[in-house]
């Protein structure tokens, strides 16, 4: 999981690479996603960059996010990478910054982004925002 960890590498840069397949209409004019105080988030956590890249290839090939999470994620959240509803301040800052910028999508057609934290490499998607 990606909870706050004061001992984590605070210098780790958040990377916002692939947004998944295609671009949906933004939730708000100007290309910005509406602000949310909570997100329902899933992630795939990999210690090694190469394993993360392998998971990304599966996603780019059309695999469902939850199925890729079950196969590749190295965290204890085995429920398809589901972390559940998280509030601002609940997550590692580098993870949270990227996750709260994502628009909601489905596991069948995910819009995802990446971040690196002290836990490793994350590929994340958001299923709901409120």
N, C-alpha and C. Protein backbone atom coordinates (compact mmCIF):
# COMPACT_ATOMS: atom_id res chain seq x y z
N UNK A 1 0.84 -1.18 0.00
CA UNK A 1 0.00 0.00 0.00
C UNK A 1 0.87 1.24 0.00
N UNK A 2 0.28 2.38 -0.10
CA UNK A 2 1.04 3.61 -0.15
C UNK A 2 0.61 4.57 0.95
N UNK A 3 0.62 4.12 2.21
CA UNK A 3 0.27 5.04 3.27
C UNK A 3 1.40 6.02 3.49
N UNK A 4 1.13 7.03 4.29
CA UNK A 4 2.19 7.97 4.64
C UNK A 4 3.30 7.22 5.32
N UNK A 5 4.52 7.57 5.01
CA UNK A 5 5.67 6.95 5.63
C UNK A 5 6.71 8.03 5.80
N UNK A 6 6.88 8.50 7.02
CA UNK A 6 7.79 9.60 7.26
C UNK A 6 9.22 9.25 6.90
N UNK A 7 9.56 7.96 6.90
CA UNK A 7 10.92 7.55 6.56
C UNK A 7 11.11 7.31 5.08
N UNK A 8 10.06 7.49 4.29
CA UNK A 8 10.16 7.23 2.85
C UNK A 8 11.01 8.30 2.18
N UNK A 9 11.47 7.99 1.01
CA UNK A 9 12.31 8.89 0.24
C UNK A 9 11.49 10.10 -0.20
N UNK A 10 11.64 11.21 0.50
CA UNK A 10 10.87 12.40 0.19
C UNK A 10 11.33 13.05 -1.10
N UNK A 11 12.52 12.71 -1.56
CA UNK A 11 13.03 13.29 -2.79
C UNK A 11 12.54 12.57 -4.02
N UNK A 12 11.79 11.51 -3.84
CA UNK A 12 11.30 10.75 -4.99
C UNK A 12 10.34 11.61 -5.80
N UNK A 13 10.60 11.70 -7.06
CA UNK A 13 9.79 12.55 -7.93
C UNK A 13 8.55 11.80 -8.39
N UNK A 14 7.45 12.49 -8.42
CA UNK A 14 6.23 11.89 -8.95
C UNK A 14 6.31 11.98 -10.47
N UNK A 15 6.00 10.89 -11.11
CA UNK A 15 6.04 10.85 -12.57
C UNK A 15 4.64 10.65 -13.08
N UNK A 16 4.20 11.50 -13.95
CA UNK A 16 2.87 11.42 -14.53
C UNK A 16 3.04 11.11 -16.01
N UNK A 17 3.29 9.85 -16.32
CA UNK A 17 3.56 9.46 -17.71
C UNK A 17 2.26 9.13 -18.40
N UNK A 18 1.96 7.85 -18.56
CA UNK A 18 0.81 7.42 -19.34
C UNK A 18 -0.49 7.69 -18.62
N UNK A 19 -1.43 8.22 -19.33
CA UNK A 19 -2.76 8.42 -18.75
C UNK A 19 -3.69 7.32 -19.23
N UNK A 20 -3.13 6.24 -19.69
CA UNK A 20 -3.97 5.15 -20.15
C UNK A 20 -4.39 5.35 -21.59
N UNK A 21 -5.40 4.63 -21.98
CA UNK A 21 -5.86 4.67 -23.36
C UNK A 21 -6.73 5.88 -23.60
N UNK A 22 -6.39 6.64 -24.62
CA UNK A 22 -7.21 7.76 -25.03
C UNK A 22 -7.38 8.81 -23.95
N UNK A 23 -7.99 9.90 -24.34
CA UNK A 23 -8.26 10.95 -23.37
C UNK A 23 -9.74 11.19 -23.35
N UNK A 24 -10.31 11.11 -22.17
CA UNK A 24 -11.74 11.38 -22.03
C UNK A 24 -11.93 12.87 -21.84
N UNK A 25 -13.16 13.29 -21.90
CA UNK A 25 -13.46 14.70 -21.65
C UNK A 25 -13.09 15.03 -20.22
N UNK A 26 -12.41 16.13 -19.98
CA UNK A 26 -12.11 16.51 -18.61
C UNK A 26 -13.39 16.81 -17.85
N UNK A 27 -13.34 16.70 -16.53
CA UNK A 27 -14.52 16.92 -15.71
C UNK A 27 -14.87 18.40 -15.62
N UNK A 28 -13.99 19.25 -16.05
CA UNK A 28 -14.18 20.69 -15.90
C UNK A 28 -13.52 21.37 -17.09
N UNK A 29 -14.04 22.53 -17.51
CA UNK A 29 -13.44 23.25 -18.62
C UNK A 29 -12.02 23.67 -18.27
N UNK A 30 -11.17 23.76 -19.28
CA UNK A 30 -9.80 24.17 -19.05
C UNK A 30 -8.87 22.98 -18.89
N UNK A 31 -9.38 21.76 -19.05
CA UNK A 31 -8.53 20.57 -18.98
C UNK A 31 -8.17 20.12 -17.58
N UNK A 32 -8.69 20.78 -16.57
CA UNK A 32 -8.37 20.40 -15.19
C UNK A 32 -9.45 19.48 -14.66
N UNK A 33 -9.05 18.55 -13.80
CA UNK A 33 -9.99 17.66 -13.13
C UNK A 33 -10.52 18.41 -11.92
N UNK A 34 -11.81 18.27 -11.66
CA UNK A 34 -12.41 18.95 -10.51
C UNK A 34 -11.71 18.50 -9.23
N UNK A 35 -11.58 19.41 -8.30
CA UNK A 35 -10.98 19.08 -7.01
C UNK A 35 -11.83 18.07 -6.26
N UNK A 36 -11.18 17.19 -5.54
CA UNK A 36 -11.87 16.19 -4.74
C UNK A 36 -11.19 16.11 -3.39
N UNK A 37 -11.95 15.75 -2.39
CA UNK A 37 -11.38 15.56 -1.07
C UNK A 37 -11.12 14.08 -0.79
N UNK A 38 -11.77 13.20 -1.57
CA UNK A 38 -11.58 11.76 -1.43
C UNK A 38 -11.52 11.12 -2.81
N UNK A 39 -10.73 10.07 -2.91
CA UNK A 39 -10.68 9.29 -4.14
C UNK A 39 -10.73 7.80 -3.79
N UNK A 40 -11.34 7.03 -4.67
CA UNK A 40 -11.34 5.58 -4.55
C UNK A 40 -10.24 5.11 -5.50
N UNK A 41 -9.12 4.65 -4.95
CA UNK A 41 -7.92 4.44 -5.75
C UNK A 41 -7.47 2.97 -5.74
N UNK A 42 -6.90 2.56 -6.86
CA UNK A 42 -6.25 1.25 -7.01
C UNK A 42 -4.82 1.51 -7.44
N UNK A 43 -3.94 0.56 -7.12
CA UNK A 43 -2.56 0.71 -7.60
C UNK A 43 -1.91 -0.63 -7.83
N UNK A 44 -0.83 -0.57 -8.59
CA UNK A 44 0.05 -1.71 -8.81
C UNK A 44 1.40 -1.24 -8.28
N UNK A 45 1.94 -1.95 -7.31
CA UNK A 45 3.22 -1.57 -6.70
C UNK A 45 4.28 -2.58 -7.10
N UNK A 46 5.38 -2.08 -7.66
CA UNK A 46 6.50 -2.93 -8.06
C UNK A 46 7.79 -2.35 -7.48
N UNK A 47 8.62 -3.21 -6.90
CA UNK A 47 9.91 -2.74 -6.39
C UNK A 47 10.86 -2.40 -7.52
N UNK A 48 10.82 -3.18 -8.58
CA UNK A 48 11.76 -3.02 -9.70
C UNK A 48 11.10 -2.29 -10.87
N UNK A 49 11.86 -1.38 -11.47
CA UNK A 49 11.39 -0.61 -12.62
C UNK A 49 10.99 -1.54 -13.77
N UNK A 50 11.77 -2.59 -14.01
CA UNK A 50 11.50 -3.50 -15.12
C UNK A 50 10.14 -4.20 -14.94
N UNK A 51 9.80 -4.57 -13.72
CA UNK A 51 8.52 -5.23 -13.47
C UNK A 51 7.37 -4.24 -13.69
N UNK A 52 7.57 -3.00 -13.29
CA UNK A 52 6.56 -1.96 -13.51
C UNK A 52 6.33 -1.78 -15.00
N UNK A 53 7.43 -1.76 -15.77
CA UNK A 53 7.32 -1.61 -17.23
C UNK A 53 6.57 -2.78 -17.85
N UNK A 54 6.78 -3.98 -17.33
CA UNK A 54 6.07 -5.17 -17.82
C UNK A 54 4.57 -5.03 -17.55
N UNK A 55 4.22 -4.55 -16.37
CA UNK A 55 2.81 -4.33 -16.02
C UNK A 55 2.20 -3.27 -16.94
N UNK A 56 2.94 -2.21 -17.22
CA UNK A 56 2.45 -1.16 -18.12
C UNK A 56 2.16 -1.72 -19.51
N UNK A 57 3.02 -2.59 -19.99
CA UNK A 57 2.81 -3.19 -21.31
C UNK A 57 1.50 -3.99 -21.35
N UNK A 58 1.20 -4.70 -20.26
CA UNK A 58 -0.05 -5.46 -20.19
C UNK A 58 -1.24 -4.50 -20.26
N UNK A 59 -1.15 -3.39 -19.51
CA UNK A 59 -2.24 -2.40 -19.52
C UNK A 59 -2.40 -1.80 -20.90
N UNK A 60 -1.28 -1.46 -21.54
CA UNK A 60 -1.34 -0.88 -22.88
C UNK A 60 -1.91 -1.87 -23.89
N UNK A 61 -1.74 -3.16 -23.59
CA UNK A 61 -2.28 -4.21 -24.46
C UNK A 61 -3.76 -4.48 -24.24
N UNK A 62 -4.38 -3.75 -23.31
CA UNK A 62 -5.81 -3.89 -23.11
C UNK A 62 -6.24 -4.73 -21.92
N UNK A 63 -5.29 -5.20 -21.10
CA UNK A 63 -5.65 -5.99 -19.93
C UNK A 63 -6.35 -5.12 -18.90
N UNK A 64 -7.24 -5.73 -18.11
CA UNK A 64 -7.96 -5.00 -17.06
C UNK A 64 -6.99 -4.65 -15.93
N UNK A 65 -7.17 -3.47 -15.36
CA UNK A 65 -6.27 -2.98 -14.32
C UNK A 65 -6.23 -3.93 -13.13
N UNK A 66 -7.39 -4.39 -12.66
CA UNK A 66 -7.42 -5.25 -11.48
C UNK A 66 -6.72 -6.59 -11.73
N UNK A 67 -6.82 -7.11 -12.94
CA UNK A 67 -6.15 -8.37 -13.27
C UNK A 67 -4.63 -8.19 -13.30
N UNK A 68 -4.16 -7.07 -13.85
CA UNK A 68 -2.73 -6.78 -13.88
C UNK A 68 -2.22 -6.58 -12.45
N UNK A 69 -3.02 -5.93 -11.62
CA UNK A 69 -2.63 -5.72 -10.22
C UNK A 69 -2.47 -7.05 -9.49
N UNK A 70 -3.40 -7.97 -9.70
CA UNK A 70 -3.31 -9.28 -9.05
C UNK A 70 -2.04 -10.02 -9.47
N UNK A 71 -1.66 -9.87 -10.73
CA UNK A 71 -0.49 -10.57 -11.26
C UNK A 71 0.83 -9.91 -10.88
N UNK A 72 0.89 -8.58 -10.89
CA UNK A 72 2.17 -7.89 -10.75
C UNK A 72 2.41 -7.17 -9.43
N UNK A 73 1.35 -6.74 -8.75
CA UNK A 73 1.54 -5.91 -7.56
C UNK A 73 2.20 -6.69 -6.43
N UNK A 74 3.16 -6.05 -5.78
CA UNK A 74 3.92 -6.69 -4.72
C UNK A 74 3.48 -6.24 -3.33
N UNK A 75 2.35 -5.55 -3.24
CA UNK A 75 1.88 -5.14 -1.92
C UNK A 75 0.91 -6.17 -1.37
N UNK A 76 0.42 -5.90 -0.20
CA UNK A 76 -0.46 -6.84 0.47
C UNK A 76 -1.92 -6.70 0.03
N UNK A 77 -2.25 -5.64 -0.70
CA UNK A 77 -3.62 -5.43 -1.20
C UNK A 77 -3.84 -6.31 -2.42
N UNK A 78 -4.31 -7.49 -2.21
CA UNK A 78 -4.48 -8.45 -3.30
C UNK A 78 -5.84 -8.35 -3.97
N UNK A 79 -6.67 -7.43 -3.55
CA UNK A 79 -8.01 -7.28 -4.13
C UNK A 79 -7.94 -6.41 -5.38
N UNK A 80 -7.14 -6.82 -6.35
CA UNK A 80 -7.02 -6.06 -7.59
C UNK A 80 -6.38 -4.70 -7.39
N UNK A 81 -5.56 -4.58 -6.34
CA UNK A 81 -4.86 -3.33 -6.08
C UNK A 81 -5.71 -2.27 -5.39
N UNK A 82 -6.92 -2.65 -4.96
CA UNK A 82 -7.83 -1.67 -4.35
C UNK A 82 -7.30 -1.18 -3.01
N UNK A 83 -7.19 0.13 -2.88
CA UNK A 83 -6.82 0.75 -1.61
C UNK A 83 -8.04 1.36 -0.93
N UNK A 84 -9.15 1.46 -1.67
CA UNK A 84 -10.38 2.01 -1.12
C UNK A 84 -10.40 3.53 -1.17
N UNK A 85 -11.33 4.11 -0.43
CA UNK A 85 -11.48 5.56 -0.39
C UNK A 85 -10.41 6.15 0.50
N UNK A 86 -9.69 7.13 -0.02
CA UNK A 86 -8.63 7.81 0.72
C UNK A 86 -8.87 9.31 0.68
N UNK A 87 -8.63 9.95 1.81
CA UNK A 87 -8.75 11.41 1.92
C UNK A 87 -7.39 12.04 1.64
N UNK A 88 -7.41 13.32 1.32
CA UNK A 88 -6.15 14.06 1.20
C UNK A 88 -5.42 13.95 2.53
N UNK A 89 -4.14 13.65 2.45
CA UNK A 89 -3.34 13.51 3.66
C UNK A 89 -3.18 12.07 4.12
N UNK A 90 -3.94 11.13 3.53
CA UNK A 90 -3.86 9.71 3.92
C UNK A 90 -2.71 8.97 3.24
N UNK A 91 -2.24 9.51 2.13
CA UNK A 91 -1.29 8.77 1.29
C UNK A 91 0.08 9.43 1.28
N UNK A 92 1.06 8.68 0.84
CA UNK A 92 2.41 9.20 0.62
C UNK A 92 2.30 10.42 -0.30
N UNK A 93 2.95 11.55 0.03
CA UNK A 93 2.78 12.78 -0.76
C UNK A 93 3.02 12.63 -2.26
N UNK A 94 4.07 11.93 -2.67
CA UNK A 94 4.35 11.78 -4.10
C UNK A 94 3.24 10.99 -4.80
N UNK A 95 2.69 10.00 -4.12
CA UNK A 95 1.59 9.19 -4.65
C UNK A 95 0.33 10.04 -4.70
N UNK A 96 0.04 10.72 -3.60
CA UNK A 96 -1.18 11.50 -3.49
C UNK A 96 -1.27 12.62 -4.53
N UNK A 97 -0.18 13.30 -4.76
CA UNK A 97 -0.17 14.40 -5.73
C UNK A 97 -0.63 13.91 -7.10
N UNK A 98 -0.12 12.79 -7.53
CA UNK A 98 -0.48 12.24 -8.84
C UNK A 98 -1.90 11.68 -8.81
N UNK A 99 -2.25 10.92 -7.77
CA UNK A 99 -3.55 10.26 -7.71
C UNK A 99 -4.70 11.26 -7.72
N UNK A 100 -4.59 12.37 -6.99
CA UNK A 100 -5.68 13.33 -6.93
C UNK A 100 -5.85 14.12 -8.23
N UNK A 101 -4.88 14.03 -9.14
CA UNK A 101 -4.99 14.69 -10.44
C UNK A 101 -5.68 13.80 -11.48
N UNK A 102 -5.80 12.51 -11.20
CA UNK A 102 -6.40 11.58 -12.16
C UNK A 102 -7.91 11.71 -12.20
N UNK A 103 -8.46 11.58 -13.41
CA UNK A 103 -9.91 11.52 -13.52
C UNK A 103 -10.35 10.09 -13.26
N UNK A 104 -11.59 9.93 -12.88
CA UNK A 104 -12.13 8.61 -12.59
C UNK A 104 -12.26 7.80 -13.89
N UNK A 105 -12.00 6.49 -13.78
CA UNK A 105 -12.14 5.59 -14.92
C UNK A 105 -12.50 4.21 -14.39
N UNK A 106 -12.59 3.24 -15.28
CA UNK A 106 -12.95 1.87 -14.88
C UNK A 106 -11.75 0.95 -15.05
N UNK A 107 -11.80 -0.20 -14.38
CA UNK A 107 -10.70 -1.16 -14.50
C UNK A 107 -10.61 -1.71 -15.92
N UNK A 108 -11.72 -1.74 -16.65
CA UNK A 108 -11.72 -2.25 -18.02
C UNK A 108 -11.11 -1.24 -19.00
N UNK A 109 -11.21 0.04 -18.69
CA UNK A 109 -10.67 1.09 -19.55
C UNK A 109 -10.01 2.14 -18.65
N UNK A 110 -8.90 1.75 -18.00
CA UNK A 110 -8.32 2.65 -16.99
C UNK A 110 -7.55 3.82 -17.58
N UNK A 111 -7.61 4.93 -16.87
CA UNK A 111 -6.73 6.07 -17.11
C UNK A 111 -5.80 6.06 -15.92
N UNK A 112 -4.55 5.85 -16.18
CA UNK A 112 -3.61 5.64 -15.08
C UNK A 112 -2.42 6.58 -15.18
N UNK A 113 -1.69 6.65 -14.09
CA UNK A 113 -0.48 7.47 -14.02
C UNK A 113 0.51 6.72 -13.13
N UNK A 114 1.72 7.24 -13.08
CA UNK A 114 2.78 6.59 -12.31
C UNK A 114 3.36 7.55 -11.28
N UNK A 115 3.89 6.95 -10.22
CA UNK A 115 4.62 7.73 -9.21
C UNK A 115 5.66 6.80 -8.59
N UNK A 116 6.75 7.39 -8.13
CA UNK A 116 7.76 6.62 -7.40
C UNK A 116 7.80 7.15 -5.97
N UNK A 117 7.72 6.22 -5.02
CA UNK A 117 7.80 6.58 -3.61
C UNK A 117 8.86 5.71 -2.95
N UNK A 118 9.01 5.85 -1.67
CA UNK A 118 9.93 5.00 -0.92
C UNK A 118 9.51 3.53 -0.93
N UNK A 119 8.26 3.26 -1.32
CA UNK A 119 7.77 1.89 -1.38
C UNK A 119 8.12 1.22 -2.71
N UNK A 120 8.35 2.02 -3.74
CA UNK A 120 8.66 1.49 -5.06
C UNK A 120 7.94 2.28 -6.14
N UNK A 121 7.69 1.60 -7.25
CA UNK A 121 7.03 2.20 -8.41
C UNK A 121 5.55 1.87 -8.39
N UNK A 122 4.72 2.88 -8.53
CA UNK A 122 3.28 2.71 -8.50
C UNK A 122 2.69 3.06 -9.86
N UNK A 123 1.72 2.25 -10.27
CA UNK A 123 0.84 2.60 -11.38
C UNK A 123 -0.52 2.71 -10.70
N UNK A 124 -1.19 3.82 -10.87
CA UNK A 124 -2.44 4.01 -10.14
C UNK A 124 -3.57 4.44 -11.06
N UNK A 125 -4.77 4.14 -10.62
CA UNK A 125 -5.98 4.60 -11.29
C UNK A 125 -7.00 4.97 -10.22
N UNK A 126 -7.94 5.83 -10.58
CA UNK A 126 -8.97 6.29 -9.65
C UNK A 126 -10.32 5.83 -10.19
N UNK A 127 -11.10 5.19 -9.32
CA UNK A 127 -12.42 4.72 -9.72
C UNK A 127 -13.54 5.69 -9.34
N UNK A 128 -13.30 6.54 -8.38
CA UNK A 128 -14.33 7.48 -7.97
C UNK A 128 -13.70 8.68 -7.28
N UNK A 129 -14.42 9.80 -7.33
CA UNK A 129 -13.96 11.05 -6.71
C UNK A 129 -15.14 11.68 -6.00
N UNK A 130 -14.88 12.21 -4.81
CA UNK A 130 -15.93 13.00 -4.13
C UNK A 130 -15.31 14.02 -3.21
